[in-house]
């Protein structure tokens, strides 16, 4: 479908293919530039994972 749409944003009433942007916090850079502050905000989180085979 992407090959058919090409550089366009979609095909009317069938499909859309638009560019989206979002802001993201750079955790690695902050950790490198502010190691003491970074360590103060570290929290341990846990979760359960179900895997089916």
N, C-alpha and C. Protein backbone atom coordinates (compact mmCIF):
# COMPACT_ATOMS: atom_id res chain seq x y z
N UNK A 1 0.82 -1.19 0.00
CA UNK A 1 0.00 0.00 0.00
C UNK A 1 0.88 1.26 0.00
N UNK A 2 1.98 1.24 0.76
CA UNK A 2 2.86 2.42 0.81
C UNK A 2 3.43 2.74 -0.57
N UNK A 3 3.72 1.72 -1.35
CA UNK A 3 4.25 1.95 -2.69
C UNK A 3 3.21 2.64 -3.57
N UNK A 4 1.96 2.28 -3.40
CA UNK A 4 0.89 2.89 -4.19
C UNK A 4 0.69 4.35 -3.77
N UNK A 5 0.69 4.61 -2.45
CA UNK A 5 0.48 5.97 -1.94
C UNK A 5 1.67 6.86 -2.28
N UNK A 6 2.88 6.30 -2.25
CA UNK A 6 4.08 7.06 -2.57
C UNK A 6 4.31 8.20 -1.60
N UNK A 7 4.58 9.41 -2.10
CA UNK A 7 4.85 10.56 -1.26
C UNK A 7 3.56 11.30 -0.86
N UNK A 8 2.43 10.84 -1.34
CA UNK A 8 1.15 11.45 -0.97
C UNK A 8 0.79 11.09 0.47
N UNK A 9 -0.27 11.71 0.99
CA UNK A 9 -0.69 11.43 2.37
C UNK A 9 -1.78 10.38 2.44
N UNK A 10 -2.20 9.83 1.33
CA UNK A 10 -3.19 8.77 1.38
C UNK A 10 -3.99 8.65 0.11
N UNK A 11 -4.99 7.74 0.19
CA UNK A 11 -5.95 7.53 -0.89
C UNK A 11 -7.32 7.76 -0.27
N UNK A 12 -8.06 8.71 -0.81
CA UNK A 12 -9.34 9.13 -0.22
C UNK A 12 -10.25 7.94 0.06
N UNK A 13 -10.74 7.89 1.30
CA UNK A 13 -11.68 6.88 1.78
C UNK A 13 -11.10 5.45 1.81
N UNK A 14 -9.77 5.32 1.66
CA UNK A 14 -9.17 3.99 1.68
C UNK A 14 -8.07 3.90 2.73
N UNK A 15 -7.10 4.81 2.67
CA UNK A 15 -5.96 4.72 3.57
C UNK A 15 -5.30 6.09 3.71
N UNK A 16 -4.64 6.30 4.85
CA UNK A 16 -3.83 7.50 5.03
C UNK A 16 -2.44 7.06 5.46
N UNK A 17 -1.46 7.89 5.12
CA UNK A 17 -0.07 7.62 5.50
C UNK A 17 0.60 8.95 5.72
N UNK A 18 0.42 9.47 6.94
CA UNK A 18 0.91 10.80 7.27
C UNK A 18 2.08 10.72 8.25
N UNK A 19 2.94 11.72 8.18
CA UNK A 19 4.06 11.82 9.10
C UNK A 19 3.57 12.38 10.43
N UNK A 20 3.98 11.77 11.53
CA UNK A 20 3.65 12.26 12.87
C UNK A 20 4.93 12.55 13.61
N UNK A 21 4.91 13.59 14.44
CA UNK A 21 6.06 13.94 15.26
C UNK A 21 5.65 13.93 16.72
N UNK A 22 6.61 13.68 17.60
CA UNK A 22 6.35 13.74 19.03
C UNK A 22 7.63 14.13 19.74
N UNK A 23 7.47 14.70 20.91
CA UNK A 23 8.62 15.06 21.72
C UNK A 23 8.94 13.90 22.65
N UNK A 24 10.22 13.68 22.89
CA UNK A 24 10.65 12.58 23.73
C UNK A 24 11.79 13.03 24.62
N UNK A 25 11.73 12.67 25.90
CA UNK A 25 12.77 13.01 26.85
C UNK A 25 13.99 12.14 26.59
N UNK A 26 15.18 12.76 26.50
CA UNK A 26 16.42 12.03 26.23
C UNK A 26 17.02 11.59 27.57
N UNK A 27 16.60 10.43 28.04
CA UNK A 27 17.02 9.90 29.33
C UNK A 27 18.53 9.68 29.40
N UNK A 28 19.12 9.11 28.37
CA UNK A 28 20.54 8.81 28.38
C UNK A 28 21.38 10.09 28.48
N UNK A 29 21.02 11.10 27.72
CA UNK A 29 21.76 12.36 27.75
C UNK A 29 21.64 13.03 29.12
N UNK A 30 20.42 13.02 29.69
CA UNK A 30 20.23 13.62 31.01
C UNK A 30 21.06 12.89 32.06
N UNK A 31 21.08 11.57 31.98
CA UNK A 31 21.86 10.76 32.92
C UNK A 31 23.34 11.11 32.83
N UNK A 32 23.83 11.32 31.62
CA UNK A 32 25.25 11.65 31.43
C UNK A 32 25.58 13.06 31.92
N UNK A 33 24.68 14.00 31.69
CA UNK A 33 24.95 15.40 32.03
C UNK A 33 24.60 15.75 33.48
N UNK A 34 23.69 14.99 34.10
CA UNK A 34 23.25 15.27 35.48
C UNK A 34 23.15 13.97 36.28
N UNK A 35 24.25 13.27 36.48
CA UNK A 35 24.19 11.95 37.12
C UNK A 35 23.63 11.97 38.55
N UNK A 36 23.95 12.99 39.34
CA UNK A 36 23.46 13.03 40.72
C UNK A 36 21.95 13.22 40.75
N UNK A 37 21.46 14.16 39.97
CA UNK A 37 20.01 14.42 39.92
C UNK A 37 19.27 13.20 39.38
N UNK A 38 19.82 12.58 38.36
CA UNK A 38 19.19 11.41 37.76
C UNK A 38 18.98 10.30 38.79
N UNK A 39 20.00 10.03 39.59
CA UNK A 39 19.92 8.94 40.57
C UNK A 39 18.86 9.20 41.63
N UNK A 40 18.57 10.46 41.92
CA UNK A 40 17.55 10.78 42.92
C UNK A 40 16.15 10.37 42.48
N UNK A 41 15.93 10.25 41.19
CA UNK A 41 14.59 9.98 40.66
C UNK A 41 14.40 8.56 40.13
N UNK A 42 15.37 7.71 40.34
CA UNK A 42 15.24 6.32 39.90
C UNK A 42 14.26 5.58 40.80
N UNK A 43 13.31 4.87 40.18
CA UNK A 43 12.35 4.05 40.92
C UNK A 43 12.36 2.65 40.32
N UNK A 44 12.23 1.65 41.15
CA UNK A 44 12.15 0.27 40.69
C UNK A 44 10.70 -0.08 40.43
N UNK A 45 10.40 -0.51 39.24
CA UNK A 45 9.05 -0.93 38.85
C UNK A 45 9.11 -2.42 38.45
N UNK A 46 8.06 -3.13 38.73
CA UNK A 46 8.01 -4.54 38.32
C UNK A 46 6.67 -4.83 37.69
N UNK A 47 6.66 -5.84 36.85
CA UNK A 47 5.44 -6.26 36.20
C UNK A 47 5.52 -7.75 35.91
N UNK A 48 4.37 -8.34 35.62
CA UNK A 48 4.34 -9.76 35.29
C UNK A 48 4.19 -9.89 33.79
N UNK A 49 4.86 -10.88 33.23
CA UNK A 49 4.81 -11.11 31.77
C UNK A 49 4.27 -12.51 31.51
N UNK A 50 3.26 -12.59 30.67
CA UNK A 50 2.70 -13.87 30.26
C UNK A 50 3.19 -14.15 28.85
N UNK A 51 3.85 -15.30 28.68
CA UNK A 51 4.33 -15.70 27.37
C UNK A 51 3.72 -17.05 27.02
N UNK A 52 3.11 -17.15 25.88
CA UNK A 52 2.52 -18.39 25.42
C UNK A 52 3.43 -19.03 24.39
N UNK A 53 3.55 -20.37 24.46
CA UNK A 53 4.39 -21.09 23.49
C UNK A 53 3.57 -22.08 22.71
